Amino acid sequence: MARIRMLTSVAGEGFSWRAGEEIDLPGAEAAKWADGVRAELVRDTPVETPEEPPSVERAARRPARRKAAAPRGTK
């Protein structure tokens, strides 16, 4: 069974659903109704959100190379 939340009110022979109402339907039937216009799927488990934003990872840098000094007395 899958749960859907109605986005529009719908009525037919033997049923009447209001906008905002949550209904349990077999998976295939729920997928047909949950088209984003008539209804949407409802998650069973809440979405996990991190407690803290992820920290930025930085790569370690090598120390800068020093240029070799020119020998003294030459230009």
PDB file of N, CA and C in Angstrom:
ATOM      1  N   MET A   1       0.851  -1.188   0.000  1.00  0.00           N
ATOM      2  CA  MET A   1       0.000   0.000   0.000  1.00  0.00           C
ATOM      3  C   MET A   1       0.894   1.248   0.000  1.00  0.00           C
ATOM      4  N   ALA A   2       0.435   2.226  -0.735  1.00  0.00           N
ATOM      5  CA  ALA A   2       1.118   3.514  -0.779  1.00  0.00           C
ATOM      6  C   ALA A   2       0.129   4.595  -0.361  1.00  0.00           C
ATOM      7  N   ARG A   3       0.667   5.642   0.207  1.00  0.00           N
ATOM      8  CA  ARG A   3      -0.185   6.738   0.682  1.00  0.00           C
ATOM      9  C   ARG A   3      -0.023   7.927  -0.253  1.00  0.00           C
ATOM     10  N   ILE A   4      -1.154   8.504  -0.630  1.00  0.00           N
ATOM     11  CA  ILE A   4      -1.147   9.709  -1.459  1.00  0.00           C
ATOM     12  C   ILE A   4      -1.905  10.819  -0.748  1.00  0.00           C
ATOM     13  N   ARG A   5      -1.559  12.068  -1.093  1.00  0.00           N
ATOM     14  CA  ARG A   5      -2.273  13.235  -0.574  1.00  0.00           C
ATOM     15  C   ARG A   5      -2.949  13.895  -1.765  1.00  0.00           C
ATOM     16  N   MET A   6      -4.239  14.054  -1.667  1.00  0.00           N
ATOM     17  CA  MET A   6      -5.012  14.638  -2.758  1.00  0.00           C
ATOM     18  C   MET A   6      -4.717  16.138  -2.872  1.00  0.00           C
ATOM     19  N   LEU A   7      -4.514  16.597  -4.104  1.00  0.00           N
ATOM     20  CA  LEU A   7      -4.292  18.017  -4.369  1.00  0.00           C
ATOM     21  C   LEU A   7      -5.567  18.692  -4.863  1.00  0.00           C
ATOM     22  N   THR A   8      -6.470  17.896  -5.417  1.00  0.00           N
ATOM     23  CA  THR A   8      -7.776  18.395  -5.858  1.00  0.00           C
ATOM     24  C   THR A   8      -8.846  17.460  -5.316  1.00  0.00           C
ATOM     25  N   SER A   9     -10.037  17.932  -5.210  1.00  0.00           N
ATOM     26  CA  SER A   9     -11.152  17.089  -4.775  1.00  0.00           C
ATOM     27  C   SER A   9     -11.623  16.247  -5.955  1.00  0.00           C
ATOM     28  N   VAL A  10     -11.914  14.961  -5.675  1.00  0.00           N
ATOM     29  CA  VAL A  10     -12.339  14.022  -6.714  1.00  0.00           C
ATOM     30  C   VAL A  10     -13.454  13.166  -6.135  1.00  0.00           C
ATOM     31  N   ALA A  11     -14.472  12.893  -6.944  1.00  0.00           N
ATOM     32  CA  ALA A  11     -15.562  12.013  -6.514  1.00  0.00           C
ATOM     33  C   ALA A  11     -15.935  11.110  -7.675  1.00  0.00           C
ATOM     34  N   GLY A  12     -16.354   9.907  -7.337  1.00  0.00           N
ATOM     35  CA  GLY A  12     -16.793   8.958  -8.341  1.00  0.00           C
ATOM     36  C   GLY A  12     -17.759   7.983  -7.704  1.00  0.00           C
ATOM     37  N   GLU A  13     -18.055   6.926  -8.404  1.00  0.00           N
ATOM     38  CA  GLU A  13     -18.978   5.935  -7.882  1.00  0.00           C
ATOM     39  C   GLU A  13     -18.316   5.178  -6.731  1.00  0.00           C
ATOM     40  N   GLY A  14     -18.797   5.404  -5.544  1.00  0.00           N
ATOM     41  CA  GLY A  14     -18.301   4.693  -4.363  1.00  0.00           C
ATOM     42  C   GLY A  14     -17.155   5.375  -3.641  1.00  0.00           C
ATOM     43  N   PHE A  15     -16.726   6.566  -4.081  1.00  0.00           N
ATOM     44  CA  PHE A  15     -15.656   7.265  -3.345  1.00  0.00           C
ATOM     45  C   PHE A  15     -15.808   8.770  -3.506  1.00  0.00           C
ATOM     46  N   SER A  16     -15.247   9.492  -2.531  1.00  0.00           N
ATOM     47  CA  SER A  16     -15.223  10.947  -2.545  1.00  0.00           C
ATOM     48  C   SER A  16     -14.013  11.380  -1.722  1.00  0.00           C
ATOM     49  N   TRP A  17     -13.051  12.038  -2.363  1.00  0.00           N
ATOM     50  CA  TRP A  17     -11.839  12.482  -1.688  1.00  0.00           C
ATOM     51  C   TRP A  17     -11.725  13.992  -1.807  1.00  0.00           C
ATOM     52  N   ARG A  18     -11.374  14.653  -0.703  1.00  0.00           N
ATOM     53  CA  ARG A  18     -11.213  16.102  -0.678  1.00  0.00           C
ATOM     54  C   ARG A  18      -9.741  16.472  -0.815  1.00  0.00           C
ATOM     55  N   ALA A  19      -9.475  17.677  -1.282  1.00  0.00           N
ATOM     56  CA  ALA A  19      -8.101  18.181  -1.366  1.00  0.00           C
ATOM     57  C   ALA A  19      -7.483  18.182   0.036  1.00  0.00           C
ATOM     58  N   GLY A  20      -6.255  17.677   0.159  1.00  0.00           N
ATOM     59  CA  GLY A  20      -5.568  17.603   1.450  1.00  0.00           C
ATOM     60  C   GLY A  20      -5.744  16.280   2.164  1.00  0.00           C
ATOM     61  N   GLU A  21      -6.714  15.476   1.748  1.00  0.00           N
ATOM     62  CA  GLU A  21      -6.967  14.185   2.381  1.00  0.00           C
ATOM     63  C   GLU A  21      -5.891  13.177   1.958  1.00  0.00           C
ATOM     64  N   GLU A  22      -5.458  12.326   2.912  1.00  0.00           N
ATOM     65  CA  GLU A  22      -4.475  11.284   2.617  1.00  0.00           C
ATOM     66  C   GLU A  22      -5.185   9.940   2.511  1.00  0.00           C
ATOM     67  N   ILE A  23      -4.864   9.185   1.461  1.00  0.00           N
ATOM     68  CA  ILE A  23      -5.543   7.929   1.160  1.00  0.00           C
ATOM     69  C   ILE A  23      -4.505   6.849   0.925  1.00  0.00           C
ATOM     70  N   ASP A  24      -4.777   5.641   1.412  1.00  0.00           N
ATOM     71  CA  ASP A  24      -3.932   4.479   1.146  1.00  0.00           C
ATOM     72  C   ASP A  24      -4.507   3.715  -0.040  1.00  0.00           C
ATOM     73  N   LEU A  25      -3.668   3.472  -1.048  1.00  0.00           N
ATOM     74  CA  LEU A  25      -4.073   2.747  -2.253  1.00  0.00           C
ATOM     75  C   LEU A  25      -2.995   1.722  -2.602  1.00  0.00           C
ATOM     76  N   PRO A  26      -3.341   0.679  -3.360  1.00  0.00           N
ATOM     77  CA  PRO A  26      -2.313  -0.238  -3.852  1.00  0.00           C
ATOM     78  C   PRO A  26      -1.289   0.541  -4.686  1.00  0.00           C
ATOM     79  N   GLY A  27      -0.042   0.093  -4.690  1.00  0.00           N
ATOM     80  CA  GLY A  27       1.063   0.806  -5.324  1.00  0.00           C
ATOM     81  C   GLY A  27       0.811   1.286  -6.738  1.00  0.00           C
ATOM     82  N   ALA A  28       0.337   0.405  -7.634  1.00  0.00           N
ATOM     83  CA  ALA A  28       0.123   0.783  -9.030  1.00  0.00           C
ATOM     84  C   ALA A  28      -0.961   1.850  -9.151  1.00  0.00           C
ATOM     85  N   GLU A  29      -2.027   1.707  -8.383  1.00  0.00           N
ATOM     86  CA  GLU A  29      -3.115   2.679  -8.448  1.00  0.00           C
ATOM     87  C   GLU A  29      -2.679   4.021  -7.865  1.00  0.00           C
ATOM     88  N   ALA A  30      -1.904   3.967  -6.781  1.00  0.00           N
ATOM     89  CA  ALA A  30      -1.398   5.204  -6.183  1.00  0.00           C
ATOM     90  C   ALA A  30      -0.498   5.944  -7.163  1.00  0.00           C
ATOM     91  N   ALA A  31       0.324   5.203  -7.903  1.00  0.00           N
ATOM     92  CA  ALA A  31       1.213   5.832  -8.887  1.00  0.00           C
ATOM     93  C   ALA A  31       0.418   6.519  -9.992  1.00  0.00           C
ATOM     94  N   LYS A  32      -0.716   5.948 -10.388  1.00  0.00           N
ATOM     95  CA  LYS A  32      -1.555   6.573 -11.412  1.00  0.00           C
ATOM     96  C   LYS A  32      -2.132   7.898 -10.920  1.00  0.00           C
ATOM     97  N   TRP A  33      -2.603   7.906  -9.675  1.00  0.00           N
ATOM     98  CA  TRP A  33      -3.216   9.111  -9.126  1.00  0.00           C
ATOM     99  C   TRP A  33      -2.173  10.191  -8.826  1.00  0.00           C
ATOM    100  N   ALA A  34      -0.980   9.778  -8.394  1.00  0.00           N
ATOM    101  CA  ALA A  34       0.051  10.733  -7.963  1.00  0.00           C
ATOM    102  C   ALA A  34       0.788  11.304  -9.165  1.00  0.00           C
ATOM    103  N   ASP A  35       0.101  12.110  -9.947  1.00  0.00           N
ATOM    104  CA  ASP A  35       0.694  12.701 -11.144  1.00  0.00           C
ATOM    105  C   ASP A  35       1.149  14.136 -10.912  1.00  0.00           C
ATOM    106  N   GLY A  36       1.055  14.629  -9.679  1.00  0.00           N
ATOM    107  CA  GLY A  36       1.448  15.997  -9.368  1.00  0.00           C
ATOM    108  C   GLY A  36       0.351  17.005  -9.597  1.00  0.00           C
ATOM    109  N   VAL A  37      -0.758  16.577 -10.223  1.00  0.00           N
ATOM    110  CA  VAL A  37      -1.892  17.470 -10.462  1.00  0.00           C
ATOM    111  C   VAL A  37      -3.057  17.052  -9.568  1.00  0.00           C
ATOM    112  N   ARG A  38      -3.389  15.768  -9.621  1.00  0.00           N
ATOM    113  CA  ARG A  38      -4.500  15.263  -8.815  1.00  0.00           C
ATOM    114  C   ARG A  38      -4.061  14.901  -7.401  1.00  0.00           C
ATOM    115  N   ALA A  39      -2.853  14.309  -7.272  1.00  0.00           N
ATOM    116  CA  ALA A  39      -2.368  13.876  -5.959  1.00  0.00           C
ATOM    117  C   ALA A  39      -0.847  13.802  -5.991  1.00  0.00           C
ATOM    118  N   GLU A  40      -0.255  13.612  -4.805  1.00  0.00           N
ATOM    119  CA  GLU A  40       1.183  13.426  -4.684  1.00  0.00           C
ATOM    120  C   GLU A  40       1.454  12.301  -3.694  1.00  0.00           C
ATOM    121  N   LEU A  41       2.586  11.598  -3.864  1.00  0.00           N
ATOM    122  CA  LEU A  41       2.950  10.531  -2.938  1.00  0.00           C
ATOM    123  C   LEU A  41       3.361  11.138  -1.608  1.00  0.00           C
ATOM    124  N   VAL A  42       3.045  10.445  -0.519  1.00  0.00           N
ATOM    125  CA  VAL A  42       3.404  10.883   0.825  1.00  0.00           C
ATOM    126  C   VAL A  42       4.496   9.965   1.318  1.00  0.00           C
ATOM    127  N   ARG A  43       5.579  10.534   1.842  1.00  0.00           N
ATOM    128  CA  ARG A  43       6.674   9.731   2.381  1.00  0.00           C
ATOM    129  C   ARG A  43       6.265   9.133   3.725  1.00  0.00           C
ATOM    130  N   ASP A  44       6.648   7.858   3.928  1.00  0.00           N
ATOM    131  CA  ASP A  44       6.376   7.212   5.207  1.00  0.00           C
ATOM    132  C   ASP A  44       7.356   7.674   6.275  1.00  0.00           C
ATOM    133  N   THR A  45       8.618   7.872   5.875  1.00  0.00           N
ATOM    134  CA  THR A  45       9.646   8.288   6.822  1.00  0.00           C
ATOM    135  C   THR A  45      10.029   9.727   6.538  1.00  0.00           C
ATOM    136  N   PRO A  46      10.293  10.492   7.566  1.00  0.00           N
ATOM    137  CA  PRO A  46      10.678  11.884   7.338  1.00  0.00           C
ATOM    138  C   PRO A  46      12.038  11.970   6.640  1.00  0.00           C
ATOM    139  N   VAL A  47      12.225  13.023   5.889  1.00  0.00           N
ATOM    140  CA  VAL A  47      13.490  13.241   5.198  1.00  0.00           C
ATOM    141  C   VAL A  47      14.539  13.640   6.218  1.00  0.00           C
ATOM    142  N   GLU A  48      15.705  12.993   6.160  1.00  0.00           N
ATOM    143  CA  GLU A  48      16.767  13.318   7.098  1.00  0.00           C
ATOM    144  C   GLU A  48      17.503  14.560   6.628  1.00  0.00           C
ATOM    145  N   THR A  49      17.723  15.472   7.555  1.00  0.00           N
ATOM    146  CA  THR A  49      18.487  16.672   7.251  1.00  0.00           C
ATOM    147  C   THR A  49      19.683  16.717   8.186  1.00  0.00           C
ATOM    148  N   PRO A  50      20.825  17.173   7.717  1.00  0.00           N
ATOM    149  CA  PRO A  50      22.001  17.228   8.584  1.00  0.00           C
ATOM    150  C   PRO A  50      21.807  18.270   9.674  1.00  0.00           C
ATOM    151  N   GLU A  51      22.390  17.989  10.834  1.00  0.00           N
ATOM    152  CA  GLU A  51      22.273  18.932  11.945  1.00  0.00           C
ATOM    153  C   GLU A  51      23.129  20.162  11.702  1.00  0.00           C
ATOM    154  N   GLU A  52      24.308  19.949  11.080  1.00  0.00           N
ATOM    155  CA  GLU A  52      25.201  21.049  10.782  1.00  0.00           C
ATOM    156  C   GLU A  52      25.527  21.019   9.297  1.00  0.00           C
ATOM    157  N   PRO A  53      25.758  22.165   8.706  1.00  0.00           N
ATOM    158  CA  PRO A  53      26.134  22.142   7.288  1.00  0.00           C
ATOM    159  C   PRO A  53      27.502  21.466   7.138  1.00  0.00           C
ATOM    160  N   PRO A  54      27.725  20.777   6.024  1.00  0.00           N
ATOM    161  CA  PRO A  54      29.004  20.100   5.844  1.00  0.00           C
ATOM    162  C   PRO A  54      30.143  21.106   5.775  1.00  0.00           C
ATOM    163  N   SER A  55      31.283  20.735   6.357  1.00  0.00           N
ATOM    164  CA  SER A  55      32.437  21.628   6.314  1.00  0.00           C
ATOM    165  C   SER A  55      33.130  21.489   4.966  1.00  0.00           C
ATOM    166  N   VAL A  56      33.785  22.543   4.564  1.00  0.00           N
ATOM    167  CA  VAL A  56      34.488  22.544   3.288  1.00  0.00           C
ATOM    168  C   VAL A  56      35.807  21.812   3.471  1.00  0.00           C
ATOM    169  N   GLU A  57      36.048  20.830   2.615  1.00  0.00           N
ATOM    170  CA  GLU A  57      37.311  20.110   2.691  1.00  0.00           C
ATOM    171  C   GLU A  57      38.343  20.863   1.880  1.00  0.00           C
ATOM    172  N   ARG A  58      39.543  20.932   2.417  1.00  0.00           N
ATOM    173  CA  ARG A  58      40.622  21.604   1.710  1.00  0.00           C
ATOM    174  C   ARG A  58      41.785  20.635   1.585  1.00  0.00           C
ATOM    175  N   ALA A  59      42.391  20.632   0.427  1.00  0.00           N
ATOM    176  CA  ALA A  59      43.546  19.778   0.195  1.00  0.00           C
ATOM    177  C   ALA A  59      44.776  20.397   0.845  1.00  0.00           C
ATOM    178  N   ALA A  60      45.658  19.549   1.341  1.00  0.00           N
ATOM    179  CA  ALA A  60      46.898  20.038   1.926  1.00  0.00           C
ATOM    180  C   ALA A  60      47.800  20.540   0.807  1.00  0.00           C
ATOM    181  N   ARG A  61      48.496  21.622   1.049  1.00  0.00           N
ATOM    182  CA  ARG A  61      49.396  22.186   0.045  1.00  0.00           C
ATOM    183  C   ARG A  61      50.836  21.899   0.419  1.00  0.00           C
ATOM    184  N   ARG A  62      51.648  21.693  -0.597  1.00  0.00           N
ATOM    185  CA  ARG A  62      53.079  21.564  -0.360  1.00  0.00           C
ATOM    186  C   ARG A  62      53.649  22.953  -0.147  1.00  0.00           C
ATOM    187  N   PRO A  63      54.715  23.035   0.630  1.00  0.00           N
ATOM    188  CA  PRO A  63      55.353  24.347   0.792  1.00  0.00           C
ATOM    189  C   PRO A  63      55.892  24.819  -0.560  1.00  0.00           C
ATOM    190  N   ALA A  64      55.888  26.109  -0.782  1.00  0.00           N
ATOM    191  CA  ALA A  64      56.369  26.666  -2.041  1.00  0.00           C
ATOM    192  C   ALA A  64      57.860  26.405  -2.172  1.00  0.00           C
ATOM    193  N   ARG A  65      58.304  26.107  -3.396  1.00  0.00           N
ATOM    194  CA  ARG A  65      59.738  25.895  -3.637  1.00  0.00           C
ATOM    195  C   ARG A  65      60.434  27.240  -3.655  1.00  0.00           C
ATOM    196  N   ARG A  66      61.596  27.245  -3.094  1.00  0.00           N
ATOM    197  CA  ARG A  66      62.385  28.463  -3.113  1.00  0.00           C
ATOM    198  C   ARG A  66      63.266  28.432  -4.345  1.00  0.00           C
ATOM    199  N   LYS A  67      63.371  29.552  -4.984  1.00  0.00           N
ATOM    200  CA  LYS A  67      64.241  29.645  -6.148  1.00  0.00           C
ATOM    201  C   LYS A  67      65.692  29.559  -5.682  1.00  0.00           C
ATOM    202  N   ALA A  68      66.485  28.893  -6.470  1.00  0.00           N
ATOM    203  CA  ALA A  68      67.907  28.789  -6.144  1.00  0.00           C
ATOM    204  C   ALA A  68      68.542  30.171  -6.305  1.00  0.00           C
ATOM    205  N   ALA A  69      69.392  30.512  -5.362  1.00  0.00           N
ATOM    206  CA  ALA A  69      70.074  31.806  -5.410  1.00  0.00           C
ATOM    207  C   ALA A  69      71.171  31.745  -6.474  1.00  0.00           C
ATOM    208  N   ALA A  70      71.344  32.856  -7.192  1.00  0.00           N
ATOM    209  CA  ALA A  70      72.419  32.920  -8.202  1.00  0.00           C
ATOM    210  C   ALA A  70      73.753  32.917  -7.486  1.00  0.00           C
ATOM    211  N   PRO A  71      74.779  32.252  -8.062  1.00  0.00           N
ATOM    212  CA  PRO A  71      76.093  32.248  -7.412  1.00  0.00           C
ATOM    213  C   PRO A  71      76.618  33.677  -7.313  1.00  0.00           C
ATOM    214  N   ARG A  72      77.366  33.943  -6.257  1.00  0.00           N
ATOM    215  CA  ARG A  72      77.891  35.295  -6.039  1.00  0.00           C
ATOM    216  C   ARG A  72      79.003  35.603  -7.035  1.00  0.00           C
ATOM    217  N   GLY A  73      79.034  36.824  -7.410  1.00  0.00           N
ATOM    218  CA  GLY A  73      80.074  37.288  -8.297  1.00  0.00           C
ATOM    219  C   GLY A  73      79.734  37.130  -9.763  1.00  0.00           C
ATOM    220  N   THR A  74      78.588  36.603 -10.122  1.00  0.00           N
ATOM    221  CA  THR A  74      78.195  36.505 -11.518  1.00  0.00           C
ATOM    222  C   THR A  74      76.913  37.270 -11.720  1.00  0.00           C
ATOM    223  N   LYS A  75      76.738  37.716 -12.921  1.00  0.00           N
ATOM    224  CA  LYS A  75      75.522  38.430 -13.218  1.00  0.00           C
ATOM    225  C   LYS A  75      74.747  37.713 -14.252  1.00  0.00           C
TER     226      LYS A  75
END
